[in-house]
Amino acid sequence: MTWTPDDLPLQTGKVAAVSGANAGIGFWTAYALAGAGASVHLLARNSQRADAAVRAIRAHVPSANVTVIPLDVADLSSVREAGARLAELDRLDVLVNNAGIVHAPRHRERTADGLELVTGTNFFGSFALTAAALPALERTPGSRVVSLGSLATLLVRLDTDDLQQERGRYSGWNAYACSKIMLSSFGYELDRRLVARGSATRSLVAHPGYSISGRTRTVPGVNEPTRLGRFVDTLQTPFTQSKERGAAPIVRAAIDPAAEGGTFYGPKYLVKGESVVLKPARVTTDTRVAAAIWAEAEVATGIQLL
């Protein structure tokens, strides 16, 4: 079967949950899934922007079954509450771990749980959410977990002895890139562990390329770049794409019938282009690195997963 993003396979009867669905890649992922007929749970921190996202999706699909579930991935108590709601679902066909911080703070900060802010938001929260939602995923035939990777995974080295940058000199950029390595590594290790236990649930990773707001159409309350922002982003046209296009690899990982666990999807030309299978950064598939990351996540969250 040829994958055609403009003619997605019908998802009627399917249920999806997308974290960070009130804006950016998360919104466009939810928008596409709802357009294909799936019932979509928008997991979002900002209720006003979540409501705007719901209005935008229903303007696109008037009959869309869209629900908002409050979620702040930087707060483990919020993750537990959102995860409990997902665990109660009769079925959950796909969980998209999208929520996170892109613009990291200049100085090291902590979450309400005392974790390094960027790692806590971009990885530990998704780890805990996946653990909570796993019962619903595993009782749903053919279910998937999709975690968002990044081009940044190719650009830094990960210190497995200092995953929360407690001892070395803090760098916001490094914290962001390493958090995406950890989330990607988790995605692949999760698939290996699910296979080992005989589970039918699969885990995949996808990245959106270089997708920016100024090249994305205006959606009131969701995407409203300034004129200057559009001008600046338009200057980057040769190596950027819209966030709607950037969501395409994530959507493919979520619903392509031919997609297999452990697969990495992204734009054909790395920063932009059609969704294809790509080779992930080596560090993200290293099983020894994965073991260190997984152990750190279990200590940080207090959750034993698989």
C-alpha atoms as a PDB file:
ATOM      1  CA  MET A   1       0.000   0.000   0.000  1.00  0.00           C
ATOM      2  CA  THR A   2       1.323   3.448  -0.971  1.00  0.00           C
ATOM      3  CA  TRP A   3       1.148   6.001   1.808  1.00  0.00           C
ATOM      4  CA  THR A   4      -0.814   9.069   0.751  1.00  0.00           C
ATOM      5  CA  PRO A   5      -1.050  11.782   3.436  1.00  0.00           C
ATOM      6  CA  ASP A   6      -3.857  13.554   1.584  1.00  0.00           C
ATOM      7  CA  ASP A   7      -5.957  10.375   1.609  1.00  0.00           C
ATOM      8  CA  LEU A   8      -5.517   8.884   5.061  1.00  0.00           C
ATOM      9  CA  PRO A   9      -6.997   5.483   5.916  1.00  0.00           C
ATOM     10  CA  LEU A  10     -10.293   5.838   7.762  1.00  0.00           C
ATOM     11  CA  GLN A  11      -9.949   5.746  11.548  1.00  0.00           C
ATOM     12  CA  THR A  12     -13.637   5.442  12.391  1.00  0.00           C
ATOM     13  CA  GLY A  13     -13.988   3.711  15.758  1.00  0.00           C
ATOM     14  CA  LYS A  14     -10.341   4.338  16.647  1.00  0.00           C
ATOM     15  CA  VAL A  15      -9.297   6.382  19.689  1.00  0.00           C
ATOM     16  CA  ALA A  16      -6.196   8.551  19.902  1.00  0.00           C
ATOM     17  CA  ALA A  17      -4.605  10.666  22.617  1.00  0.00           C
ATOM     18  CA  VAL A  18      -2.149  13.434  21.726  1.00  0.00           C
ATOM     19  CA  SER A  19      -0.176  15.319  24.367  1.00  0.00           C
ATOM     20  CA  GLY A  20       0.505  18.989  23.748  1.00  0.00           C
ATOM     21  CA  ALA A  21      -2.370  19.018  21.255  1.00  0.00           C
ATOM     22  CA  ASN A  22      -3.353  22.651  21.722  1.00  0.00           C
ATOM     23  CA  ALA A  23      -0.658  24.003  19.382  1.00  0.00           C
ATOM     24  CA  GLY A  24       2.152  23.176  16.970  1.00  0.00           C
ATOM     25  CA  ILE A  25       2.833  19.635  15.821  1.00  0.00           C
ATOM     26  CA  GLY A  26       0.458  18.213  18.426  1.00  0.00           C
ATOM     27  CA  PHE A  27      -2.463  20.257  17.130  1.00  0.00           C
ATOM     28  CA  TRP A  28      -1.874  19.322  13.504  1.00  0.00           C
ATOM     29  CA  THR A  29      -1.505  15.672  14.463  1.00  0.00           C
ATOM     30  CA  ALA A  30      -4.836  15.758  16.295  1.00  0.00           C
ATOM     31  CA  TYR A  31      -6.375  17.702  13.392  1.00  0.00           C
ATOM     32  CA  ALA A  32      -5.339  15.015  10.898  1.00  0.00           C
ATOM     33  CA  LEU A  33      -6.461  12.107  13.094  1.00  0.00           C
ATOM     34  CA  ALA A  34      -9.862  13.709  13.699  1.00  0.00           C
ATOM     35  CA  GLY A  35     -10.155  14.374   9.983  1.00  0.00           C
ATOM     36  CA  ALA A  36      -9.622  10.668   9.358  1.00  0.00           C
ATOM     37  CA  GLY A  37     -12.480   9.827  11.710  1.00  0.00           C
ATOM     38  CA  ALA A  38     -10.712   9.008  14.979  1.00  0.00           C
ATOM     39  CA  SER A  39     -11.996  10.101  18.364  1.00  0.00           C
ATOM     40  CA  VAL A  40      -9.213  12.291  19.729  1.00  0.00           C
ATOM     41  CA  HIS A  41      -8.317  13.232  23.295  1.00  0.00           C
ATOM     42  CA  LEU A  42      -6.397  16.505  23.373  1.00  0.00           C
ATOM     43  CA  LEU A  43      -4.041  16.460  26.342  1.00  0.00           C
ATOM     44  CA  ALA A  44      -3.137  20.056  27.050  1.00  0.00           C
ATOM     45  CA  ARG A  45      -1.990  22.384  29.830  1.00  0.00           C
ATOM     46  CA  ASN A  46      -3.604  25.589  28.586  1.00  0.00           C
ATOM     47  CA  SER A  47      -7.403  25.237  28.691  1.00  0.00           C
ATOM     48  CA  GLN A  48      -8.106  28.333  26.579  1.00  0.00           C
ATOM     49  CA  ARG A  49      -5.806  27.206  23.784  1.00  0.00           C
ATOM     50  CA  ALA A  50      -7.197  23.689  24.058  1.00  0.00           C
ATOM     51  CA  ASP A  51     -10.710  25.057  23.577  1.00  0.00           C
ATOM     52  CA  ALA A  52      -9.483  27.019  20.543  1.00  0.00           C
ATOM     53  CA  ALA A  53      -7.988  23.822  19.159  1.00  0.00           C
ATOM     54  CA  VAL A  54     -11.302  22.016  19.634  1.00  0.00           C
ATOM     55  CA  ARG A  55     -13.151  24.786  17.776  1.00  0.00           C
ATOM     56  CA  ALA A  56     -10.653  24.633  14.922  1.00  0.00           C
ATOM     57  CA  ILE A  57     -10.933  20.868  14.610  1.00  0.00           C
ATOM     58  CA  ARG A  58     -14.740  20.981  14.666  1.00  0.00           C
ATOM     59  CA  ALA A  59     -14.713  23.692  12.013  1.00  0.00           C
ATOM     60  CA  HIS A  60     -12.740  21.194   9.906  1.00  0.00           C
ATOM     61  CA  VAL A  61     -14.824  18.156  10.941  1.00  0.00           C
ATOM     62  CA  PRO A  62     -18.176  19.240  12.416  1.00  0.00           C
ATOM     63  CA  SER A  63     -18.914  15.723  13.647  1.00  0.00           C
ATOM     64  CA  ALA A  64     -15.496  15.284  15.281  1.00  0.00           C
ATOM     65  CA  ASN A  65     -15.456  13.540  18.652  1.00  0.00           C
ATOM     66  CA  VAL A  66     -12.845  15.621  20.469  1.00  0.00           C
ATOM     67  CA  THR A  67     -12.261  15.716  24.223  1.00  0.00           C
ATOM     68  CA  VAL A  68      -9.867  17.828  26.297  1.00  0.00           C
ATOM     69  CA  ILE A  69      -7.949  16.201  29.145  1.00  0.00           C
ATOM     70  CA  PRO A  70      -5.873  18.569  31.313  1.00  0.00           C
ATOM     71  CA  LEU A  71      -2.191  17.620  31.316  1.00  0.00           C
ATOM     72  CA  ASP A  72       1.001  19.308  32.426  1.00  0.00           C
ATOM     73  CA  VAL A  73       3.823  16.897  31.639  1.00  0.00           C
ATOM     74  CA  ALA A  74       6.141  18.872  33.937  1.00  0.00           C
ATOM     75  CA  ASP A  75       3.964  17.917  36.932  1.00  0.00           C
ATOM     76  CA  LEU A  76       3.807  14.210  37.765  1.00  0.00           C
ATOM     77  CA  SER A  77       0.584  14.634  39.739  1.00  0.00           C
ATOM     78  CA  SER A  78      -1.052  16.059  36.612  1.00  0.00           C
ATOM     79  CA  VAL A  79       0.387  13.197  34.572  1.00  0.00           C
ATOM     80  CA  ARG A  80      -1.085  10.673  37.003  1.00  0.00           C
ATOM     81  CA  GLU A  81      -4.526  12.265  36.738  1.00  0.00           C
ATOM     82  CA  ALA A  82      -4.465  12.391  32.938  1.00  0.00           C
ATOM     83  CA  GLY A  83      -3.018   8.893  32.742  1.00  0.00           C
ATOM     84  CA  ALA A  84      -5.769   7.539  34.997  1.00  0.00           C
ATOM     85  CA  ARG A  85      -8.380   8.902  32.599  1.00  0.00           C
ATOM     86  CA  LEU A  86      -6.650   7.251  29.646  1.00  0.00           C
ATOM     87  CA  ALA A  87      -6.341   3.954  31.537  1.00  0.00           C
ATOM     88  CA  GLU A  88     -10.114   3.903  32.013  1.00  0.00           C
ATOM     89  CA  LEU A  89     -10.839   4.088  28.286  1.00  0.00           C
ATOM     90  CA  ASP A  90     -12.388   1.035  26.669  1.00  0.00           C
ATOM     91  CA  ARG A  91      -9.767   1.287  23.968  1.00  0.00           C
ATOM     92  CA  LEU A  92      -6.768   3.454  23.076  1.00  0.00           C
ATOM     93  CA  ASP A  93      -5.361   2.874  19.600  1.00  0.00           C
ATOM     94  CA  VAL A  94      -2.577   5.417  19.712  1.00  0.00           C
ATOM     95  CA  LEU A  95      -0.799   7.588  22.254  1.00  0.00           C
ATOM     96  CA  VAL A  96       1.325  10.385  20.785  1.00  0.00           C
ATOM     97  CA  ASN A  97       4.010  11.686  23.166  1.00  0.00           C
ATOM     98  CA  ASN A  98       4.362  15.154  21.704  1.00  0.00           C
ATOM     99  CA  ALA A  99       4.217  17.639  24.604  1.00  0.00           C
ATOM    100  CA  GLY A 100       7.434  19.340  25.573  1.00  0.00           C
ATOM    101  CA  ILE A 101       9.620  22.436  25.792  1.00  0.00           C
ATOM    102  CA  VAL A 102      11.351  23.627  22.621  1.00  0.00           C
ATOM    103  CA  HIS A 103      12.892  26.856  23.938  1.00  0.00           C
ATOM    104  CA  ALA A 104      14.798  25.766  27.032  1.00  0.00           C
ATOM    105  CA  PRO A 105      15.606  28.255  29.831  1.00  0.00           C
ATOM    106  CA  ARG A 106      19.085  29.790  29.952  1.00  0.00           C
ATOM    107  CA  HIS A 107      19.668  28.534  33.476  1.00  0.00           C
ATOM    108  CA  ARG A 108      18.915  25.165  35.026  1.00  0.00           C
ATOM    109  CA  GLU A 109      15.421  25.037  36.507  1.00  0.00           C
ATOM    110  CA  ARG A 110      13.409  22.332  38.238  1.00  0.00           C
ATOM    111  CA  THR A 111       9.901  20.963  37.936  1.00  0.00           C
ATOM    112  CA  ALA A 112       7.488  20.828  40.865  1.00  0.00           C
ATOM    113  CA  ASP A 113       8.868  17.324  41.496  1.00  0.00           C
ATOM    114  CA  GLY A 114      12.479  18.527  41.686  1.00  0.00           C
ATOM    115  CA  LEU A 115      13.519  17.190  38.281  1.00  0.00           C
ATOM    116  CA  GLU A 116      15.545  19.137  35.724  1.00  0.00           C
ATOM    117  CA  LEU A 117      12.845  21.105  33.894  1.00  0.00           C
ATOM    118  CA  VAL A 118      13.589  20.244  30.253  1.00  0.00           C
ATOM    119  CA  THR A 119      14.221  16.543  30.855  1.00  0.00           C
ATOM    120  CA  GLY A 120      11.254  16.357  33.204  1.00  0.00           C
ATOM    121  CA  THR A 121       8.954  17.962  30.653  1.00  0.00           C
ATOM    122  CA  ASN A 122      10.237  16.382  27.444  1.00  0.00           C
ATOM    123  CA  PHE A 123      10.887  12.870  28.716  1.00  0.00           C
ATOM    124  CA  PHE A 124       9.969  11.900  32.286  1.00  0.00           C
ATOM    125  CA  GLY A 125       6.407  13.166  31.867  1.00  0.00           C
ATOM    126  CA  SER A 126       5.943  11.107  28.696  1.00  0.00           C
ATOM    127  CA  PHE A 127       7.466   8.054  30.380  1.00  0.00           C
ATOM    128  CA  ALA A 128       4.971   8.339  33.242  1.00  0.00           C
ATOM    129  CA  LEU A 129       2.042   9.018  30.904  1.00  0.00           C
ATOM    130  CA  THR A 130       2.850   5.971  28.784  1.00  0.00           C
ATOM    131  CA  ALA A 131       3.081   3.787  31.872  1.00  0.00           C
ATOM    132  CA  ALA A 132      -0.325   4.970  33.067  1.00  0.00           C
ATOM    133  CA  ALA A 133      -1.986   4.536  29.667  1.00  0.00           C
ATOM    134  CA  LEU A 134      -0.469   1.125  28.941  1.00  0.00           C
ATOM    135  CA  PRO A 135      -3.436  -0.935  30.248  1.00  0.00           C
ATOM    136  CA  ALA A 136      -5.783   0.712  27.731  1.00  0.00           C
ATOM    137  CA  LEU A 137      -3.209   0.392  24.958  1.00  0.00           C
ATOM    138  CA  GLU A 138      -2.610  -3.288  25.626  1.00  0.00           C
ATOM    139  CA  ARG A 139      -6.288  -4.197  25.561  1.00  0.00           C
ATOM    140  CA  THR A 140      -6.604  -2.542  22.131  1.00  0.00           C
ATOM    141  CA  PRO A 141      -5.521  -4.717  19.168  1.00  0.00           C
ATOM    142  CA  GLY A 142      -2.807  -3.109  17.058  1.00  0.00           C
ATOM    143  CA  SER A 143      -2.277  -0.122  19.356  1.00  0.00           C
ATOM    144  CA  ARG A 144       0.768   2.132  19.113  1.00  0.00           C
ATOM    145  CA  VAL A 145       2.831   4.597  21.084  1.00  0.00           C
ATOM    146  CA  VAL A 146       4.479   7.318  18.989  1.00  0.00           C
ATOM    147  CA  SER A 147       7.225   9.420  20.569  1.00  0.00           C
ATOM    148  CA  LEU A 148       8.599  12.565  18.975  1.00  0.00           C
ATOM    149  CA  GLY A 149      12.237  12.618  18.015  1.00  0.00           C
ATOM    150  CA  SER A 150      14.226  15.586  16.749  1.00  0.00           C
ATOM    151  CA  LEU A 151      17.082  16.520  14.445  1.00  0.00           C
ATOM    152  CA  ALA A 152      18.833  17.609  17.631  1.00  0.00           C
ATOM    153  CA  THR A 153      19.556  13.957  18.459  1.00  0.00           C
ATOM    154  CA  LEU A 154      22.259  14.077  15.781  1.00  0.00           C
ATOM    155  CA  LEU A 155      24.050  17.074  17.238  1.00  0.00           C
ATOM    156  CA  VAL A 156      25.069  16.359  20.846  1.00  0.00           C
ATOM    157  CA  ARG A 157      26.655  13.703  23.030  1.00  0.00           C
ATOM    158  CA  LEU A 158      24.676  12.203  25.878  1.00  0.00           C
ATOM    159  CA  ASP A 159      26.323  11.748  29.285  1.00  0.00           C
ATOM    160  CA  THR A 160      24.489   8.806  30.839  1.00  0.00           C
ATOM    161  CA  ASP A 161      26.127   9.577  34.185  1.00  0.00           C
ATOM    162  CA  ASP A 162      24.587  13.059  34.311  1.00  0.00           C
ATOM    163  CA  LEU A 163      21.249  12.831  32.496  1.00  0.00           C
ATOM    164  CA  GLN A 164      19.749  15.766  34.407  1.00  0.00           C
ATOM    165  CA  GLN A 165      22.819  18.023  34.072  1.00  0.00           C
ATOM    166  CA  GLU A 166      23.365  18.224  37.797  1.00  0.00           C
ATOM    167  CA  ARG A 167      27.163  18.173  37.779  1.00  0.00           C
ATOM    168  CA  GLY A 168      28.295  19.624  34.461  1.00  0.00           C
ATOM    169  CA  ARG A 169      27.809  23.142  33.137  1.00  0.00           C
ATOM    170  CA  TYR A 170      24.146  23.616  32.182  1.00  0.00           C
ATOM    171  CA  SER A 171      23.223  24.417  28.595  1.00  0.00           C
ATOM    172  CA  GLY A 172      19.602  24.891  27.557  1.00  0.00           C
ATOM    173  CA  TRP A 173      20.334  23.676  24.043  1.00  0.00           C
ATOM    174  CA  ASN A 174      22.126  20.600  25.341  1.00  0.00           C
ATOM    175  CA  ALA A 175      19.311  19.889  27.789  1.00  0.00           C
ATOM    176  CA  TYR A 176      16.771  20.026  24.955  1.00  0.00           C
ATOM    177  CA  ALA A 177      18.778  17.839  22.584  1.00  0.00           C
ATOM    178  CA  CYS A 178      19.559  15.261  25.270  1.00  0.00           C
ATOM    179  CA  SER A 179      15.905  15.127  26.338  1.00  0.00           C
ATOM    180  CA  LYS A 180      14.967  14.245  22.757  1.00  0.00           C
ATOM    181  CA  ILE A 181      17.640  11.547  22.700  1.00  0.00           C
ATOM    182  CA  MET A 182      16.114  10.136  25.883  1.00  0.00           C
ATOM    183  CA  LEU A 183      12.553  10.209  24.524  1.00  0.00           C
ATOM    184  CA  SER A 184      13.633   8.576  21.259  1.00  0.00           C
ATOM    185  CA  SER A 185      15.670   5.947  23.087  1.00  0.00           C
ATOM    186  CA  PHE A 186      12.647   5.254  25.266  1.00  0.00           C
ATOM    187  CA  GLY A 187      10.535   4.750  22.154  1.00  0.00           C
ATOM    188  CA  TYR A 188      12.825   2.058  20.778  1.00  0.00           C
ATOM    189  CA  GLU A 189      13.448   0.381  24.120  1.00  0.00           C
ATOM    190  CA  LEU A 190       9.715   0.340  24.813  1.00  0.00           C
ATOM    191  CA  ASP A 191       9.145  -1.546  21.587  1.00  0.00           C
ATOM    192  CA  ARG A 192      11.854  -4.082  22.450  1.00  0.00           C
ATOM    193  CA  ARG A 193      10.326  -4.674  25.876  1.00  0.00           C
ATOM    194  CA  LEU A 194       6.784  -4.951  24.538  1.00  0.00           C
ATOM    195  CA  VAL A 195       7.922  -7.543  22.006  1.00  0.00           C
ATOM    196  CA  ALA A 196       9.764  -9.476  24.723  1.00  0.00           C
ATOM    197  CA  ARG A 197       6.613  -9.742  26.840  1.00  0.00           C
ATOM    198  CA  GLY A 198       4.501 -10.834  23.874  1.00  0.00           C
ATOM    199  CA  SER A 199       2.454  -7.628  23.757  1.00  0.00           C
ATOM    200  CA  ALA A 200       0.651  -6.635  20.563  1.00  0.00           C
ATOM    201  CA  THR A 201       1.244  -2.934  21.286  1.00  0.00           C
ATOM    202  CA  ARG A 202       4.068  -1.346  19.300  1.00  0.00           C
ATOM    203  CA  SER A 203       6.219   1.729  19.802  1.00  0.00           C
ATOM    204  CA  LEU A 204       7.539   3.993  17.041  1.00  0.00           C
ATOM    205  CA  VAL A 205       9.436   7.277  16.794  1.00  0.00           C
ATOM    206  CA  ALA A 206       8.903  10.150  14.352  1.00  0.00           C
ATOM    207  CA  HIS A 207      10.315  13.630  13.891  1.00  0.00           C
ATOM    208  CA  PRO A 208       8.789  16.693  12.183  1.00  0.00           C
ATOM    209  CA  GLY A 209      11.861  18.116  10.479  1.00  0.00           C
ATOM    210  CA  TYR A 210      12.331  21.868  10.663  1.00  0.00           C
ATOM    211  CA  SER A 211       8.718  22.977  10.934  1.00  0.00           C
ATOM    212  CA  ILE A 212       7.957  26.580  11.899  1.00  0.00           C
ATOM    213  CA  SER A 213       4.944  28.722  12.778  1.00  0.00           C
ATOM    214  CA  GLY A 214       5.551  31.441  10.182  1.00  0.00           C
ATOM    215  CA  ARG A 215       5.093  28.942   7.362  1.00  0.00           C
ATOM    216  CA  THR A 216       1.927  27.525   8.917  1.00  0.00           C
ATOM    217  CA  ARG A 217      -1.546  28.852   8.170  1.00  0.00           C
ATOM    218  CA  THR A 218      -3.228  30.989  10.784  1.00  0.00           C
ATOM    219  CA  VAL A 219      -5.595  29.240  13.175  1.00  0.00           C
ATOM    220  CA  PRO A 220      -7.181  31.609  15.741  1.00  0.00           C
ATOM    221  CA  GLY A 221      -5.991  30.808  19.238  1.00  0.00           C
ATOM    222  CA  VAL A 222      -3.667  28.065  17.957  1.00  0.00           C
ATOM    223  CA  ASN A 223      -1.224  29.536  15.445  1.00  0.00           C
ATOM    224  CA  GLU A 224      -1.071  33.315  15.154  1.00  0.00           C
ATOM    225  CA  PRO A 225       2.404  34.440  14.062  1.00  0.00           C
ATOM    226  CA  THR A 226       3.086  38.161  13.743  1.00  0.00           C
ATOM    227  CA  ARG A 227       3.770  39.795  10.382  1.00  0.00           C
ATOM    228  CA  LEU A 228       7.429  40.039  11.327  1.00  0.00           C
ATOM    229  CA  GLY A 229       7.454  36.370  12.315  1.00  0.00           C
ATOM    230  CA  ARG A 230       5.959  35.380   8.980  1.00  0.00           C
ATOM    231  CA  PHE A 231       8.484  37.537   7.118  1.00  0.00           C
ATOM    232  CA  VAL A 232      11.460  36.066   8.973  1.00  0.00           C
ATOM    233  CA  ASP A 233      10.186  32.505   8.622  1.00  0.00           C
ATOM    234  CA  THR A 234       9.477  32.972   4.925  1.00  0.00           C
ATOM    235  CA  LEU A 235      13.154  33.809   4.429  1.00  0.00           C
ATOM    236  CA  GLN A 236      13.874  30.254   5.609  1.00  0.00           C
ATOM    237  CA  THR A 237      11.605  28.664   3.006  1.00  0.00           C
ATOM    238  CA  PRO A 238      14.312  26.572   1.263  1.00  0.00           C
ATOM    239  CA  PHE A 239      14.971  24.498   4.403  1.00  0.00           C
ATOM    240  CA  THR A 240      11.742  24.676   6.383  1.00  0.00           C
ATOM    241  CA  GLN A 241       8.138  23.562   6.150  1.00  0.00           C
ATOM    242  CA  SER A 242       4.811  24.219   7.857  1.00  0.00           C
ATOM    243  CA  LYS A 243       3.901  22.510  11.094  1.00  0.00           C
ATOM    244  CA  GLU A 244       0.997  20.900   9.281  1.00  0.00           C
ATOM    245  CA  ARG A 245       3.509  19.198   6.982  1.00  0.00           C
ATOM    246  CA  GLY A 246       5.739  18.505   9.954  1.00  0.00           C
ATOM    247  CA  ALA A 247       2.957  16.495  11.600  1.00  0.00           C
ATOM    248  CA  ALA A 248       2.773  14.130   8.619  1.00  0.00           C
ATOM    249  CA  PRO A 249       5.516  11.704   9.815  1.00  0.00           C
ATOM    250  CA  ILE A 250       3.868  11.503  13.228  1.00  0.00           C
ATOM    251  CA  VAL A 251       0.483  10.780  11.664  1.00  0.00           C
ATOM    252  CA  ARG A 252       2.040   8.112   9.464  1.00  0.00           C
ATOM    253  CA  ALA A 253       3.678   6.430  12.462  1.00  0.00           C
ATOM    254  CA  ALA A 254       0.318   6.521  14.224  1.00  0.00           C
ATOM    255  CA  ILE A 255      -1.952   5.034  11.564  1.00  0.00           C
ATOM    256  CA  ASP A 256      -0.098   3.658   8.534  1.00  0.00           C
ATOM    257  CA  PRO A 257      -1.271   0.009   8.386  1.00  0.00           C
ATOM    258  CA  ALA A 258       2.176  -1.030   7.143  1.00  0.00           C
ATOM    259  CA  ALA A 259       4.122   0.683   9.930  1.00  0.00           C
ATOM    260  CA  GLU A 260       6.132  -1.645  12.159  1.00  0.00           C
ATOM    261  CA  GLY A 261       7.312  -1.264  15.736  1.00  0.00           C
ATOM    262  CA  GLY A 262      10.729   0.293  16.174  1.00  0.00           C
ATOM    263  CA  THR A 263      10.451   2.292  12.938  1.00  0.00           C
ATOM    264  CA  PHE A 264      11.642   5.893  12.654  1.00  0.00           C
ATOM    265  CA  TYR A 265       9.728   8.252  10.370  1.00  0.00           C
ATOM    266  CA  GLY A 266      10.702  11.719   9.243  1.00  0.00           C
ATOM    267  CA  PRO A 267      10.858  14.056   6.237  1.00  0.00           C
ATOM    268  CA  LYS A 268      12.599  12.654   3.165  1.00  0.00           C
ATOM    269  CA  TYR A 269      15.071  15.537   3.017  1.00  0.00           C
ATOM    270  CA  LEU A 270      15.704  15.547   6.767  1.00  0.00           C
ATOM    271  CA  VAL A 271      14.311  19.044   7.374  1.00  0.00           C
ATOM    272  CA  LYS A 272      11.349  18.844   4.974  1.00  0.00           C
ATOM    273  CA  GLY A 273       9.634  16.594   2.452  1.00  0.00           C
ATOM    274  CA  GLU A 274       7.350  13.595   2.300  1.00  0.00           C
ATOM    275  CA  SER A 275       7.232  11.128   5.203  1.00  0.00           C
ATOM    276  CA  VAL A 276       9.627   8.216   4.833  1.00  0.00           C
ATOM    277  CA  VAL A 277      11.443   5.658   6.958  1.00  0.00           C
ATOM    278  CA  LEU A 278      14.784   7.046   8.148  1.00  0.00           C
ATOM    279  CA  LYS A 279      17.804   5.745  10.033  1.00  0.00           C
ATOM    280  CA  PRO A 280      17.787   7.068  13.611  1.00  0.00           C
ATOM    281  CA  ALA A 281      20.779   8.536  15.438  1.00  0.00           C
ATOM    282  CA  ARG A 282      22.927   5.654  16.668  1.00  0.00           C
ATOM    283  CA  VAL A 283      22.783   6.728  20.309  1.00  0.00           C
ATOM    284  CA  THR A 284      18.999   6.386  20.338  1.00  0.00           C
ATOM    285  CA  THR A 285      19.127   2.668  19.476  1.00  0.00           C
ATOM    286  CA  ASP A 286      22.060   1.735  21.748  1.00  0.00           C
ATOM    287  CA  THR A 287      20.653  -0.779  24.249  1.00  0.00           C
ATOM    288  CA  ARG A 288      23.214   0.088  26.952  1.00  0.00           C
ATOM    289  CA  VAL A 289      22.312   3.760  26.721  1.00  0.00           C
ATOM    290  CA  ALA A 290      18.627   2.800  26.791  1.00  0.00           C
ATOM    291  CA  ALA A 291      19.098   0.801  29.985  1.00  0.00           C
ATOM    292  CA  ALA A 292      20.663   3.813  31.733  1.00  0.00           C
ATOM    293  CA  ILE A 293      17.908   6.142  30.532  1.00  0.00           C
ATOM    294  CA  TRP A 294      15.159   3.722  31.557  1.00  0.00           C
ATOM    295  CA  ALA A 295      16.653   3.275  35.025  1.00  0.00           C
ATOM    296  CA  GLU A 296      16.897   7.059  35.466  1.00  0.00           C
ATOM    297  CA  ALA A 297      13.256   7.449  34.439  1.00  0.00           C
ATOM    298  CA  GLU A 298      12.065   4.835  36.917  1.00  0.00           C
ATOM    299  CA  VAL A 299      13.916   6.550  39.772  1.00  0.00           C
ATOM    300  CA  ALA A 300      12.795  10.041  38.730  1.00  0.00           C
ATOM    301  CA  THR A 301       9.117   9.110  38.369  1.00  0.00           C
ATOM    302  CA  GLY A 302       8.892   6.342  40.956  1.00  0.00           C
ATOM    303  CA  ILE A 303       7.291   4.128  38.317  1.00  0.00           C
ATOM    304  CA  GLN A 304       8.401   0.603  37.418  1.00  0.00           C
ATOM    305  CA  LEU A 305       7.503   0.148  33.744  1.00  0.00           C
ATOM    306  CA  LEU A 306       7.753  -3.310  32.160  1.00  0.00           C
END
